[in-house]
Amino acid sequence: MVAWEDGYPEPWASLTVNLDGKRQKDCAFIDTNGDPDFPVWLIRNGLAIPTGVLQRRWVLRVPEYRFRADRLQELDPNGYASYLASQQSGKSA
């Protein structure tokens, strides 16, 4: 993720974690290591909801979230179109 607070792009944080297995459409494991309250922000802003699936990454349990397709489309139409194309071709985004 990128922050634009000073008028230019600056790396802020990683949102997702790549773990074993293929995720369902619009689902991803969320990195809560840096900020355990981040999922609350995702829910509060209508971006994603927890699926209840957890997977281990070393000693951490990483939660899976389903992102709202309509919000993703609204926020980044080109990025979401690219994601959908990669899903249809069987490649991960």
PDB file of N, CA and C in Angstrom:
ATOM      1  N   MET A   1       0.840  -1.166   0.000  1.00  0.00           N
ATOM      2  CA  MET A   1       0.000   0.000   0.000  1.00  0.00           C
ATOM      3  C   MET A   1       0.888   1.232   0.000  1.00  0.00           C
ATOM      4  N   VAL A   2       0.324   2.303  -0.518  1.00  0.00           N
ATOM      5  CA  VAL A   2       1.077   3.541  -0.688  1.00  0.00           C
ATOM      6  C   VAL A   2       0.332   4.681  -0.014  1.00  0.00           C
ATOM      7  N   ALA A   3       1.062   5.550   0.690  1.00  0.00           N
ATOM      8  CA  ALA A   3       0.492   6.760   1.289  1.00  0.00           C
ATOM      9  C   ALA A   3       0.854   7.956   0.422  1.00  0.00           C
ATOM     10  N   TRP A   4      -0.049   8.922   0.353  1.00  0.00           N
ATOM     11  CA  TRP A   4       0.159  10.138  -0.443  1.00  0.00           C
ATOM     12  C   TRP A   4       0.100  11.381   0.439  1.00  0.00           C
ATOM     13  N   GLU A   5       0.389  11.263   1.717  1.00  0.00           N
ATOM     14  CA  GLU A   5       0.230  12.366   2.666  1.00  0.00           C
ATOM     15  C   GLU A   5       1.054  13.602   2.313  1.00  0.00           C
ATOM     16  N   ASP A   6       2.220  13.432   1.742  1.00  0.00           N
ATOM     17  CA  ASP A   6       3.079  14.567   1.411  1.00  0.00           C
ATOM     18  C   ASP A   6       3.016  14.934  -0.066  1.00  0.00           C
ATOM     19  N   GLY A   7       2.009  14.403  -0.781  1.00  0.00           N
ATOM     20  CA  GLY A   7       1.836  14.738  -2.181  1.00  0.00           C
ATOM     21  C   GLY A   7       2.587  13.853  -3.155  1.00  0.00           C
ATOM     22  N   TYR A   8       3.293  12.863  -2.654  1.00  0.00           N
ATOM     23  CA  TYR A   8       4.003  11.929  -3.520  1.00  0.00           C
ATOM     24  C   TYR A   8       3.872  10.527  -2.924  1.00  0.00           C
ATOM     25  N   PRO A   9       3.957   9.494  -3.760  1.00  0.00           N
ATOM     26  CA  PRO A   9       3.767   8.129  -3.254  1.00  0.00           C
ATOM     27  C   PRO A   9       4.906   7.699  -2.342  1.00  0.00           C
ATOM     28  N   GLU A  10       4.515   7.101  -1.232  1.00  0.00           N
ATOM     29  CA  GLU A  10       5.489   6.625  -0.254  1.00  0.00           C
ATOM     30  C   GLU A  10       5.023   5.259   0.262  1.00  0.00           C
ATOM     31  N   PRO A  11       5.895   4.236   0.237  1.00  0.00           N
ATOM     32  CA  PRO A  11       5.473   2.925   0.752  1.00  0.00           C
ATOM     33  C   PRO A  11       4.964   3.047   2.188  1.00  0.00           C
ATOM     34  N   TRP A  12       3.833   2.392   2.444  1.00  0.00           N
ATOM     35  CA  TRP A  12       3.227   2.479   3.762  1.00  0.00           C
ATOM     36  C   TRP A  12       3.231   1.122   4.457  1.00  0.00           C
ATOM     37  N   ALA A  13       2.619   0.108   3.827  1.00  0.00           N
ATOM     38  CA  ALA A  13       2.541  -1.206   4.460  1.00  0.00           C
ATOM     39  C   ALA A  13       2.132  -2.244   3.425  1.00  0.00           C
ATOM     40  N   SER A  14       2.364  -3.508   3.766  1.00  0.00           N
ATOM     41  CA  SER A  14       1.856  -4.615   2.956  1.00  0.00           C
ATOM     42  C   SER A  14       0.488  -4.986   3.496  1.00  0.00           C
ATOM     43  N   LEU A  15      -0.451  -5.139   2.604  1.00  0.00           N
ATOM     44  CA  LEU A  15      -1.808  -5.474   3.014  1.00  0.00           C
ATOM     45  C   LEU A  15      -2.008  -6.974   3.139  1.00  0.00           C
ATOM     46  N   THR A  16      -1.541  -7.718   2.141  1.00  0.00           N
ATOM     47  CA  THR A  16      -1.809  -9.151   2.108  1.00  0.00           C
ATOM     48  C   THR A  16      -0.541  -9.969   2.296  1.00  0.00           C
ATOM     49  N   VAL A  17      -0.763 -11.243   2.616  1.00  0.00           N
ATOM     50  CA  VAL A  17       0.322 -12.194   2.819  1.00  0.00           C
ATOM     51  C   VAL A  17       0.077 -13.371   1.880  1.00  0.00           C
ATOM     52  N   ASN A  18       1.090 -13.776   1.150  1.00  0.00           N
ATOM     53  CA  ASN A  18       0.973 -14.948   0.286  1.00  0.00           C
ATOM     54  C   ASN A  18       1.235 -16.204   1.110  1.00  0.00           C
ATOM     55  N   LEU A  19       0.228 -17.053   1.190  1.00  0.00           N
ATOM     56  CA  LEU A  19       0.336 -18.326   1.901  1.00  0.00           C
ATOM     57  C   LEU A  19      -0.071 -19.441   0.947  1.00  0.00           C
ATOM     58  N   ASP A  20       0.084 -20.678   1.414  1.00  0.00           N
ATOM     59  CA  ASP A  20      -0.218 -21.836   0.574  1.00  0.00           C
ATOM     60  C   ASP A  20      -1.680 -21.863   0.141  1.00  0.00           C
ATOM     61  N   GLY A  21      -1.895 -22.406  -1.045  1.00  0.00           N
ATOM     62  CA  GLY A  21      -3.244 -22.611  -1.550  1.00  0.00           C
ATOM     63  C   GLY A  21      -3.753 -21.440  -2.368  1.00  0.00           C
ATOM     64  N   LYS A  22      -4.785 -21.722  -3.141  1.00  0.00           N
ATOM     65  CA  LYS A  22      -5.414 -20.688  -3.965  1.00  0.00           C
ATOM     66  C   LYS A  22      -6.620 -20.138  -3.218  1.00  0.00           C
ATOM     67  N   ARG A  23      -6.769 -18.849  -3.223  1.00  0.00           N
ATOM     68  CA  ARG A  23      -7.886 -18.193  -2.538  1.00  0.00           C
ATOM     69  C   ARG A  23      -9.088 -18.094  -3.467  1.00  0.00           C
ATOM     70  N   GLN A  24     -10.262 -18.029  -2.866  1.00  0.00           N
ATOM     71  CA  GLN A  24     -11.480 -17.761  -3.621  1.00  0.00           C
ATOM     72  C   GLN A  24     -11.415 -16.340  -4.168  1.00  0.00           C
ATOM     73  N   LYS A  25     -12.237 -16.039  -5.158  1.00  0.00           N
ATOM     74  CA  LYS A  25     -12.292 -14.700  -5.749  1.00  0.00           C
ATOM     75  C   LYS A  25     -12.504 -13.652  -4.645  1.00  0.00           C
ATOM     76  N   ASP A  26     -11.733 -12.591  -4.718  1.00  0.00           N
ATOM     77  CA  ASP A  26     -11.811 -11.429  -3.814  1.00  0.00           C
ATOM     78  C   ASP A  26     -11.348 -11.728  -2.391  1.00  0.00           C
ATOM     79  N   CYS A  27     -10.709 -12.863  -2.168  1.00  0.00           N
ATOM     80  CA  CYS A  27     -10.228 -13.209  -0.825  1.00  0.00           C
ATOM     81  C   CYS A  27      -8.710 -13.113  -0.744  1.00  0.00           C
ATOM     82  N   ALA A  28      -8.234 -12.759   0.454  1.00  0.00           N
ATOM     83  CA  ALA A  28      -6.790 -12.673   0.691  1.00  0.00           C
ATOM     84  C   ALA A  28      -6.529 -12.790   2.186  1.00  0.00           C
ATOM     85  N   PHE A  29      -5.341 -13.276   2.510  1.00  0.00           N
ATOM     86  CA  PHE A  29      -4.907 -13.272   3.895  1.00  0.00           C
ATOM     87  C   PHE A  29      -4.340 -11.896   4.212  1.00  0.00           C
ATOM     88  N   ILE A  30      -4.755 -11.317   5.338  1.00  0.00           N
ATOM     89  CA  ILE A  30      -4.385  -9.961   5.728  1.00  0.00           C
ATOM     90  C   ILE A  30      -3.255  -9.994   6.747  1.00  0.00           C
ATOM     91  N   ASP A  31      -2.222  -9.217   6.478  1.00  0.00           N
ATOM     92  CA  ASP A  31      -1.085  -9.104   7.393  1.00  0.00           C
ATOM     93  C   ASP A  31      -1.478  -8.208   8.566  1.00  0.00           C
ATOM     94  N   THR A  32      -1.665  -8.810   9.729  1.00  0.00           N
ATOM     95  CA  THR A  32      -2.024  -8.050  10.933  1.00  0.00           C
ATOM     96  C   THR A  32      -0.832  -7.885  11.867  1.00  0.00           C
ATOM     97  N   ASN A  33       0.341  -8.326  11.444  1.00  0.00           N
ATOM     98  CA  ASN A  33       1.525  -8.277  12.293  1.00  0.00           C
ATOM     99  C   ASN A  33       1.920  -6.836  12.648  1.00  0.00           C
ATOM    100  N   GLY A  34       1.909  -5.939  11.682  1.00  0.00           N
ATOM    101  CA  GLY A  34       2.320  -4.561  11.940  1.00  0.00           C
ATOM    102  C   GLY A  34       1.260  -3.748  12.662  1.00  0.00           C
ATOM    103  N   ASP A  35      -0.011  -4.030  12.399  1.00  0.00           N
ATOM    104  CA  ASP A  35      -1.109  -3.274  12.993  1.00  0.00           C
ATOM    105  C   ASP A  35      -2.306  -4.200  13.180  1.00  0.00           C
ATOM    106  N   PRO A  36      -2.470  -4.762  14.368  1.00  0.00           N
ATOM    107  CA  PRO A  36      -3.563  -5.715  14.594  1.00  0.00           C
ATOM    108  C   PRO A  36      -4.949  -5.090  14.474  1.00  0.00           C
ATOM    109  N   ASP A  37      -5.038  -3.753  14.491  1.00  0.00           N
ATOM    110  CA  ASP A  37      -6.331  -3.087  14.350  1.00  0.00           C
ATOM    111  C   ASP A  37      -6.690  -2.807  12.897  1.00  0.00           C
ATOM    112  N   PHE A  38      -5.796  -3.117  11.968  1.00  0.00           N
ATOM    113  CA  PHE A  38      -6.053  -2.828  10.566  1.00  0.00           C
ATOM    114  C   PHE A  38      -7.318  -3.505  10.043  1.00  0.00           C
ATOM    115  N   PRO A  39      -7.584  -4.775  10.382  1.00  0.00           N
ATOM    116  CA  PRO A  39      -8.830  -5.390   9.903  1.00  0.00           C
ATOM    117  C   PRO A  39     -10.080  -4.618  10.343  1.00  0.00           C
ATOM    118  N   VAL A  40     -10.040  -4.009  11.513  1.00  0.00           N
ATOM    119  CA  VAL A  40     -11.173  -3.201  11.973  1.00  0.00           C
ATOM    120  C   VAL A  40     -11.403  -2.049  11.000  1.00  0.00           C
ATOM    121  N   TRP A  41     -10.321  -1.438  10.535  1.00  0.00           N
ATOM    122  CA  TRP A  41     -10.411  -0.343   9.571  1.00  0.00           C
ATOM    123  C   TRP A  41     -11.026  -0.835   8.269  1.00  0.00           C
ATOM    124  N   LEU A  42     -10.614  -2.022   7.815  1.00  0.00           N
ATOM    125  CA  LEU A  42     -11.174  -2.589   6.577  1.00  0.00           C
ATOM    126  C   LEU A  42     -12.686  -2.776   6.697  1.00  0.00           C
ATOM    127  N   ILE A  43     -13.122  -3.310   7.825  1.00  0.00           N
ATOM    128  CA  ILE A  43     -14.550  -3.554   8.052  1.00  0.00           C
ATOM    129  C   ILE A  43     -15.296  -2.227   8.166  1.00  0.00           C
ATOM    130  N   ARG A  44     -14.792  -1.324   8.976  1.00  0.00           N
ATOM    131  CA  ARG A  44     -15.443  -0.036   9.217  1.00  0.00           C
ATOM    132  C   ARG A  44     -15.611   0.763   7.920  1.00  0.00           C
ATOM    133  N   ASN A  45     -14.665   0.635   7.009  1.00  0.00           N
ATOM    134  CA  ASN A  45     -14.721   1.365   5.749  1.00  0.00           C
ATOM    135  C   ASN A  45     -15.382   0.580   4.621  1.00  0.00           C
ATOM    136  N   GLY A  46     -16.016  -0.528   4.965  1.00  0.00           N
ATOM    137  CA  GLY A  46     -16.782  -1.290   3.988  1.00  0.00           C
ATOM    138  C   GLY A  46     -15.955  -1.938   2.899  1.00  0.00           C
ATOM    139  N   LEU A  47     -14.697  -2.262   3.199  1.00  0.00           N
ATOM    140  CA  LEU A  47     -13.821  -2.844   2.179  1.00  0.00           C
ATOM    141  C   LEU A  47     -13.779  -4.361   2.214  1.00  0.00           C
ATOM    142  N   ALA A  48     -13.874  -4.951   3.398  1.00  0.00           N
ATOM    143  CA  ALA A  48     -13.719  -6.402   3.500  1.00  0.00           C
ATOM    144  C   ALA A  48     -14.390  -6.920   4.768  1.00  0.00           C
ATOM    145  N   ILE A  49     -14.675  -8.223   4.761  1.00  0.00           N
ATOM    146  CA  ILE A  49     -15.212  -8.891   5.945  1.00  0.00           C
ATOM    147  C   ILE A  49     -14.418 -10.188   6.160  1.00  0.00           C
ATOM    148  N   PRO A  50     -14.290 -10.632   7.419  1.00  0.00           N
ATOM    149  CA  PRO A  50     -13.555 -11.877   7.677  1.00  0.00           C
ATOM    150  C   PRO A  50     -14.334 -13.088   7.173  1.00  0.00           C
ATOM    151  N   THR A  51     -13.595 -14.076   6.670  1.00  0.00           N
ATOM    152  CA  THR A  51     -14.231 -15.316   6.211  1.00  0.00           C
ATOM    153  C   THR A  51     -14.253 -16.371   7.314  1.00  0.00           C
ATOM    154  N   GLY A  52     -13.453 -16.178   8.350  1.00  0.00           N
ATOM    155  CA  GLY A  52     -13.340 -17.175   9.414  1.00  0.00           C
ATOM    156  C   GLY A  52     -12.205 -18.152   9.188  1.00  0.00           C
ATOM    157  N   VAL A  53     -11.565 -18.091   8.025  1.00  0.00           N
ATOM    158  CA  VAL A  53     -10.445 -18.982   7.708  1.00  0.00           C
ATOM    159  C   VAL A  53      -9.164 -18.377   8.280  1.00  0.00           C
ATOM    160  N   LEU A  54      -8.385 -19.197   8.959  1.00  0.00           N
ATOM    161  CA  LEU A  54      -7.079 -18.797   9.482  1.00  0.00           C
ATOM    162  C   LEU A  54      -6.031 -19.748   8.942  1.00  0.00           C
ATOM    163  N   GLN A  55      -4.840 -19.238   8.705  1.00  0.00           N
ATOM    164  CA  GLN A  55      -3.731 -20.093   8.294  1.00  0.00           C
ATOM    165  C   GLN A  55      -2.491 -19.655   9.064  1.00  0.00           C
ATOM    166  N   ARG A  56      -1.671 -20.618   9.402  1.00  0.00           N
ATOM    167  CA  ARG A  56      -0.458 -20.310  10.156  1.00  0.00           C
ATOM    168  C   ARG A  56       0.649 -19.794   9.256  1.00  0.00           C
ATOM    169  N   ARG A  57       1.349 -18.804   9.758  1.00  0.00           N
ATOM    170  CA  ARG A  57       2.580 -18.297   9.139  1.00  0.00           C
ATOM    171  C   ARG A  57       3.574 -18.191  10.277  1.00  0.00           C
ATOM    172  N   TRP A  58       4.479 -19.120  10.347  1.00  0.00           N
ATOM    173  CA  TRP A  58       5.376 -19.286  11.480  1.00  0.00           C
ATOM    174  C   TRP A  58       4.537 -19.442  12.739  1.00  0.00           C
ATOM    175  N   VAL A  59       4.628 -18.554  13.695  1.00  0.00           N
ATOM    176  CA  VAL A  59       3.838 -18.687  14.921  1.00  0.00           C
ATOM    177  C   VAL A  59       2.554 -17.860  14.868  1.00  0.00           C
ATOM    178  N   LEU A  60       2.369 -17.089  13.803  1.00  0.00           N
ATOM    179  CA  LEU A  60       1.196 -16.227  13.675  1.00  0.00           C
ATOM    180  C   LEU A  60       0.038 -16.961  13.014  1.00  0.00           C
ATOM    181  N   ARG A  61      -1.162 -16.597  13.396  1.00  0.00           N
ATOM    182  CA  ARG A  61      -2.364 -17.066  12.715  1.00  0.00           C
ATOM    183  C   ARG A  61      -2.867 -15.891  11.879  1.00  0.00           C
ATOM    184  N   VAL A  62      -2.905 -16.093  10.566  1.00  0.00           N
ATOM    185  CA  VAL A  62      -3.226 -15.018   9.637  1.00  0.00           C
ATOM    186  C   VAL A  62      -4.678 -15.185   9.164  1.00  0.00           C
ATOM    187  N   PRO A  63      -5.526 -14.149   9.336  1.00  0.00           N
ATOM    188  CA  PRO A  63      -6.933 -14.258   8.935  1.00  0.00           C
ATOM    189  C   PRO A  63      -7.146 -13.967   7.452  1.00  0.00           C
ATOM    190  N   GLU A  64      -8.125 -14.666   6.890  1.00  0.00           N
ATOM    191  CA  GLU A  64      -8.525 -14.412   5.507  1.00  0.00           C
ATOM    192  C   GLU A  64      -9.729 -13.465   5.516  1.00  0.00           C
ATOM    193  N   TYR A  65      -9.742 -12.538   4.553  1.00  0.00           N
ATOM    194  CA  TYR A  65     -10.852 -11.600   4.390  1.00  0.00           C
ATOM    195  C   TYR A  65     -11.353 -11.645   2.953  1.00  0.00           C
ATOM    196  N   ARG A  66     -12.654 -11.409   2.808  1.00  0.00           N
ATOM    197  CA  ARG A  66     -13.251 -11.292   1.470  1.00  0.00           C
ATOM    198  C   ARG A  66     -13.490  -9.808   1.222  1.00  0.00           C
ATOM    199  N   PHE A  67     -12.859  -9.307   0.164  1.00  0.00           N
ATOM    200  CA  PHE A  67     -13.010  -7.904  -0.200  1.00  0.00           C
ATOM    201  C   PHE A  67     -14.293  -7.712  -0.997  1.00  0.00           C
ATOM    202  N   ARG A  68     -14.928  -6.569  -0.825  1.00  0.00           N
ATOM    203  CA  ARG A  68     -16.155  -6.244  -1.551  1.00  0.00           C
ATOM    204  C   ARG A  68     -15.798  -5.820  -2.971  1.00  0.00           C
ATOM    205  N   ALA A  69     -16.268  -6.604  -3.934  1.00  0.00           N
ATOM    206  CA  ALA A  69     -15.951  -6.357  -5.337  1.00  0.00           C
ATOM    207  C   ALA A  69     -16.381  -4.959  -5.778  1.00  0.00           C
ATOM    208  N   ASP A  70     -17.543  -4.510  -5.318  1.00  0.00           N
ATOM    209  CA  ASP A  70     -18.018  -3.187  -5.733  1.00  0.00           C
ATOM    210  C   ASP A  70     -17.098  -2.070  -5.243  1.00  0.00           C
ATOM    211  N   ARG A  71     -16.569  -2.207  -4.025  1.00  0.00           N
ATOM    212  CA  ARG A  71     -15.653  -1.190  -3.483  1.00  0.00           C
ATOM    213  C   ARG A  71     -14.300  -1.237  -4.197  1.00  0.00           C
ATOM    214  N   LEU A  72     -13.812  -2.442  -4.495  1.00  0.00           N
ATOM    215  CA  LEU A  72     -12.552  -2.555  -5.220  1.00  0.00           C
ATOM    216  C   LEU A  72     -12.670  -1.922  -6.605  1.00  0.00           C
ATOM    217  N   GLN A  73     -13.778  -2.202  -7.267  1.00  0.00           N
ATOM    218  CA  GLN A  73     -14.035  -1.635  -8.590  1.00  0.00           C
ATOM    219  C   GLN A  73     -14.103  -0.113  -8.522  1.00  0.00           C
ATOM    220  N   GLU A  74     -14.769   0.396  -7.493  1.00  0.00           N
ATOM    221  CA  GLU A  74     -14.919   1.839  -7.322  1.00  0.00           C
ATOM    222  C   GLU A  74     -13.576   2.525  -7.060  1.00  0.00           C
ATOM    223  N   LEU A  75     -12.748   1.919  -6.218  1.00  0.00           N
ATOM    224  CA  LEU A  75     -11.490   2.535  -5.800  1.00  0.00           C
ATOM    225  C   LEU A  75     -10.371   2.399  -6.830  1.00  0.00           C
ATOM    226  N   ASP A  76     -10.368   1.284  -7.578  1.00  0.00           N
ATOM    227  CA  ASP A  76      -9.297   1.055  -8.542  1.00  0.00           C
ATOM    228  C   ASP A  76      -9.827   0.237  -9.716  1.00  0.00           C
ATOM    229  N   PRO A  77     -10.575   0.874 -10.617  1.00  0.00           N
ATOM    230  CA  PRO A  77     -11.178   0.120 -11.724  1.00  0.00           C
ATOM    231  C   PRO A  77     -10.164  -0.635 -12.569  1.00  0.00           C
ATOM    232  N   ASN A  78      -9.046  -0.020 -12.888  1.00  0.00           N
ATOM    233  CA  ASN A  78      -8.036  -0.691 -13.716  1.00  0.00           C
ATOM    234  C   ASN A  78      -7.381  -1.847 -12.969  1.00  0.00           C
ATOM    235  N   GLY A  79      -7.046  -1.625 -11.722  1.00  0.00           N
ATOM    236  CA  GLY A  79      -6.428  -2.677 -10.918  1.00  0.00           C
ATOM    237  C   GLY A  79      -7.358  -3.861 -10.729  1.00  0.00           C
ATOM    238  N   TYR A  80      -8.650  -3.578 -10.495  1.00  0.00           N
ATOM    239  CA  TYR A  80      -9.603  -4.664 -10.301  1.00  0.00           C
ATOM    240  C   TYR A  80      -9.839  -5.417 -11.611  1.00  0.00           C
ATOM    241  N   ALA A  81      -9.877  -4.702 -12.729  1.00  0.00           N
ATOM    242  CA  ALA A  81     -10.018  -5.363 -14.029  1.00  0.00           C
ATOM    243  C   ALA A  81      -8.830  -6.291 -14.287  1.00  0.00           C
ATOM    244  N   SER A  82      -7.642  -5.853 -13.929  1.00  0.00           N
ATOM    245  CA  SER A  82      -6.449  -6.683 -14.083  1.00  0.00           C
ATOM    246  C   SER A  82      -6.531  -7.925 -13.190  1.00  0.00           C
ATOM    247  N   TYR A  83      -6.995  -7.733 -11.969  1.00  0.00           N
ATOM    248  CA  TYR A  83      -7.178  -8.855 -11.046  1.00  0.00           C
ATOM    249  C   TYR A  83      -8.164  -9.864 -11.628  1.00  0.00           C
ATOM    250  N   LEU A  84      -9.314  -9.388 -12.136  1.00  0.00           N
ATOM    251  CA  LEU A  84     -10.312 -10.292 -12.706  1.00  0.00           C
ATOM    252  C   LEU A  84      -9.755 -11.052 -13.899  1.00  0.00           C
ATOM    253  N   ALA A  85      -8.968 -10.371 -14.743  1.00  0.00           N
ATOM    254  CA  ALA A  85      -8.357 -11.029 -15.904  1.00  0.00           C
ATOM    255  C   ALA A  85      -7.409 -12.134 -15.449  1.00  0.00           C
ATOM    256  N   SER A  86      -6.648 -11.871 -14.397  1.00  0.00           N
ATOM    257  CA  SER A  86      -5.711 -12.893 -13.908  1.00  0.00           C
ATOM    258  C   SER A  86      -6.475 -14.066 -13.299  1.00  0.00           C
ATOM    259  N   GLN A  87      -7.607 -13.805 -12.657  1.00  0.00           N
ATOM    260  CA  GLN A  87      -8.434 -14.872 -12.103  1.00  0.00           C
ATOM    261  C   GLN A  87      -8.994 -15.761 -13.214  1.00  0.00           C
ATOM    262  N   GLN A  88      -9.446 -15.141 -14.297  1.00  0.00           N
ATOM    263  CA  GLN A  88     -10.031 -15.889 -15.405  1.00  0.00           C
ATOM    264  C   GLN A  88      -8.990 -16.713 -16.160  1.00  0.00           C
ATOM    265  N   SER A  89      -7.755 -16.217 -16.171  1.00  0.00           N
ATOM    266  CA  SER A  89      -6.707 -16.959 -16.869  1.00  0.00           C
ATOM    267  C   SER A  89      -6.076 -18.029 -15.995  1.00  0.00           C
ATOM    268  N   GLY A  90      -6.482 -18.079 -14.712  1.00  0.00           N
ATOM    269  CA  GLY A  90      -5.958 -19.081 -13.806  1.00  0.00           C
ATOM    270  C   GLY A  90      -4.660 -18.701 -13.135  1.00  0.00           C
ATOM    271  N   LYS A  91      -4.212 -17.479 -13.330  1.00  0.00           N
ATOM    272  CA  LYS A  91      -2.995 -16.989 -12.696  1.00  0.00           C
ATOM    273  C   LYS A  91      -3.364 -16.200 -11.459  1.00  0.00           C
ATOM    274  N   SER A  92      -2.477 -16.186 -10.482  1.00  0.00           N
ATOM    275  CA  SER A  92      -2.749 -15.381  -9.291  1.00  0.00           C
ATOM    276  C   SER A  92      -2.342 -13.941  -9.553  1.00  0.00           C
ATOM    277  N   ALA A  93      -3.057 -13.020  -8.901  1.00  0.00           N
ATOM    278  CA  ALA A  93      -2.782 -11.583  -9.103  1.00  0.00           C
ATOM    279  C   ALA A  93      -1.631 -11.124  -8.266  1.00  0.00           C
TER     280      ALA A  93
END
